[in-house]
Amino acid sequence: MKDSQATSPARSDADAPSCEQRRQALKIAVIGMAGLGLLRHVEPTFADEAADKRPQPGDRLVDINGDLGKPLRIDDIKLASKPILAFPFD
């Protein structure tokens, strides 16, 4: 039995965290988990911004590979052609 104690690494009480440190770590963990749970119920404040929405009927777009000052027209988009990358036009 003395042999097994001699081969196991010795742990001093100075290296072990104190009860107060463990309590503090647990408090931080519990508060953090509660905060994360509350974040699920918070609605985004900028969800109604027009810039965040998908294109709507009447919006104008520009071809990123073409003239950025000229909005796209229906004639610019050919049937059965490659997709066109476009940005919103202000």
C-alpha atoms as a PDB file:
ATOM      1  CA  MET A   1       0.000   0.000   0.000  1.00  0.00           C
ATOM      2  CA  LYS A   2       2.885   2.301   0.658  1.00  0.00           C
ATOM      3  CA  ASP A   3       4.166   1.606  -2.858  1.00  0.00           C
ATOM      4  CA  SER A   4       0.933   2.837  -4.495  1.00  0.00           C
ATOM      5  CA  GLN A   5       0.986   6.016  -2.428  1.00  0.00           C
ATOM      6  CA  ALA A   6       4.599   6.653  -3.338  1.00  0.00           C
ATOM      7  CA  THR A   7       3.954   6.354  -7.103  1.00  0.00           C
ATOM      8  CA  SER A   8       0.827   8.572  -7.192  1.00  0.00           C
ATOM      9  CA  PRO A   9       1.509  12.274  -7.649  1.00  0.00           C
ATOM     10  CA  ALA A  10       1.308  14.245  -4.451  1.00  0.00           C
ATOM     11  CA  ARG A  11      -1.262  17.037  -4.380  1.00  0.00           C
ATOM     12  CA  SER A  12      -0.757  19.791  -1.938  1.00  0.00           C
ATOM     13  CA  ASP A  13      -3.600  21.815  -0.479  1.00  0.00           C
ATOM     14  CA  ALA A  14      -1.989  25.001  -1.806  1.00  0.00           C
ATOM     15  CA  ASP A  15      -2.697  23.909  -5.422  1.00  0.00           C
ATOM     16  CA  ALA A  16      -6.348  23.032  -4.777  1.00  0.00           C
ATOM     17  CA  PRO A  17      -8.983  25.736  -5.373  1.00  0.00           C
ATOM     18  CA  SER A  18     -10.630  27.003  -2.232  1.00  0.00           C
ATOM     19  CA  CYS A  19     -14.333  26.641  -1.497  1.00  0.00           C
ATOM     20  CA  GLU A  20     -14.815  30.358  -2.155  1.00  0.00           C
ATOM     21  CA  GLN A  21     -13.196  30.064  -5.604  1.00  0.00           C
ATOM     22  CA  ARG A  22     -15.418  27.108  -6.486  1.00  0.00           C
ATOM     23  CA  ARG A  23     -18.519  28.967  -5.323  1.00  0.00           C
ATOM     24  CA  GLN A  24     -17.537  32.003  -7.388  1.00  0.00           C
ATOM     25  CA  ALA A  25     -16.995  29.833 -10.488  1.00  0.00           C
ATOM     26  CA  LEU A  26     -20.381  28.156  -9.994  1.00  0.00           C
ATOM     27  CA  LYS A  27     -22.119  31.545  -9.584  1.00  0.00           C
ATOM     28  CA  ILE A  28     -20.568  32.812 -12.815  1.00  0.00           C
ATOM     29  CA  ALA A  29     -21.603  29.633 -14.659  1.00  0.00           C
ATOM     30  CA  VAL A  30     -25.202  29.769 -13.384  1.00  0.00           C
ATOM     31  CA  ILE A  31     -25.584  33.471 -14.184  1.00  0.00           C
ATOM     32  CA  GLY A  32     -24.087  32.926 -17.631  1.00  0.00           C
ATOM     33  CA  MET A  33     -26.450  30.043 -18.411  1.00  0.00           C
ATOM     34  CA  ALA A  34     -29.441  32.080 -17.222  1.00  0.00           C
ATOM     35  CA  GLY A  35     -28.340  34.995 -19.398  1.00  0.00           C
ATOM     36  CA  LEU A  36     -28.044  32.755 -22.446  1.00  0.00           C
ATOM     37  CA  GLY A  37     -31.528  31.414 -21.782  1.00  0.00           C
ATOM     38  CA  LEU A  38     -32.953  34.928 -21.689  1.00  0.00           C
ATOM     39  CA  LEU A  39     -31.294  35.864 -24.980  1.00  0.00           C
ATOM     40  CA  ARG A  40     -33.522  33.403 -26.816  1.00  0.00           C
ATOM     41  CA  HIS A  41     -36.557  35.503 -25.910  1.00  0.00           C
ATOM     42  CA  VAL A  42     -35.123  38.859 -27.012  1.00  0.00           C
ATOM     43  CA  GLU A  43     -36.252  39.971 -30.455  1.00  0.00           C
ATOM     44  CA  PRO A  44     -33.769  41.684 -32.757  1.00  0.00           C
ATOM     45  CA  THR A  45     -34.238  45.444 -32.661  1.00  0.00           C
ATOM     46  CA  PHE A  46     -33.340  46.035 -36.303  1.00  0.00           C
ATOM     47  CA  ALA A  47     -35.387  43.196 -37.807  1.00  0.00           C
ATOM     48  CA  ASP A  48     -37.692  45.655 -39.583  1.00  0.00           C
ATOM     49  CA  GLU A  49     -34.880  47.516 -41.379  1.00  0.00           C
ATOM     50  CA  ALA A  50     -35.490  47.652 -45.136  1.00  0.00           C
ATOM     51  CA  ALA A  51     -31.843  46.797 -45.833  1.00  0.00           C
ATOM     52  CA  ASP A  52     -32.217  43.476 -44.010  1.00  0.00           C
ATOM     53  CA  LYS A  53     -35.244  42.286 -45.994  1.00  0.00           C
ATOM     54  CA  ARG A  54     -35.273  40.262 -49.194  1.00  0.00           C
ATOM     55  CA  PRO A  55     -36.029  42.114 -52.441  1.00  0.00           C
ATOM     56  CA  GLN A  56     -39.667  43.205 -52.709  1.00  0.00           C
ATOM     57  CA  PRO A  57     -41.763  43.985 -55.785  1.00  0.00           C
ATOM     58  CA  GLY A  58     -40.803  47.464 -56.982  1.00  0.00           C
ATOM     59  CA  ASP A  59     -37.210  47.307 -55.697  1.00  0.00           C
ATOM     60  CA  ARG A  60     -34.509  48.174 -58.213  1.00  0.00           C
ATOM     61  CA  LEU A  61     -31.311  46.141 -58.646  1.00  0.00           C
ATOM     62  CA  VAL A  62     -27.989  46.740 -60.428  1.00  0.00           C
ATOM     63  CA  ASP A  63     -25.683  44.173 -62.044  1.00  0.00           C
ATOM     64  CA  ILE A  64     -22.426  44.053 -60.066  1.00  0.00           C
ATOM     65  CA  ASN A  65     -20.491  43.287 -63.257  1.00  0.00           C
ATOM     66  CA  GLY A  66     -22.099  46.071 -65.269  1.00  0.00           C
ATOM     67  CA  ASP A  67     -22.808  49.790 -64.841  1.00  0.00           C
ATOM     68  CA  LEU A  68     -23.608  50.322 -61.140  1.00  0.00           C
ATOM     69  CA  GLY A  69     -25.373  53.595 -61.920  1.00  0.00           C
ATOM     70  CA  LYS A  70     -27.964  51.943 -64.192  1.00  0.00           C
ATOM     71  CA  PRO A  71     -30.717  49.753 -62.691  1.00  0.00           C
ATOM     72  CA  LEU A  72     -31.375  46.356 -64.248  1.00  0.00           C
ATOM     73  CA  ARG A  73     -34.326  46.027 -66.602  1.00  0.00           C
ATOM     74  CA  ILE A  74     -36.200  42.901 -67.601  1.00  0.00           C
ATOM     75  CA  ASP A  75     -34.510  43.036 -71.024  1.00  0.00           C
ATOM     76  CA  ASP A  76     -31.080  42.755 -69.318  1.00  0.00           C
ATOM     77  CA  ILE A  77     -31.925  39.298 -67.978  1.00  0.00           C
ATOM     78  CA  LYS A  78     -31.952  36.670 -70.712  1.00  0.00           C
ATOM     79  CA  LEU A  79     -34.025  33.525 -70.413  1.00  0.00           C
ATOM     80  CA  ALA A  80     -31.929  30.369 -69.789  1.00  0.00           C
ATOM     81  CA  SER A  81     -28.731  32.385 -69.219  1.00  0.00           C
ATOM     82  CA  LYS A  82     -26.220  32.343 -66.378  1.00  0.00           C
ATOM     83  CA  PRO A  83     -27.413  33.837 -63.081  1.00  0.00           C
ATOM     84  CA  ILE A  84     -26.722  37.557 -62.609  1.00  0.00           C
ATOM     85  CA  LEU A  85     -25.324  38.845 -59.335  1.00  0.00           C
ATOM     86  CA  ALA A  86     -27.114  42.033 -58.348  1.00  0.00           C
ATOM     87  CA  PHE A  87     -27.088  44.591 -55.534  1.00  0.00           C
ATOM     88  CA  PRO A  88     -29.936  46.842 -54.404  1.00  0.00           C
ATOM     89  CA  PHE A  89     -30.015  50.216 -56.143  1.00  0.00           C
ATOM     90  CA  ASP A  90     -30.650  53.300 -53.986  1.00  0.00           C
END
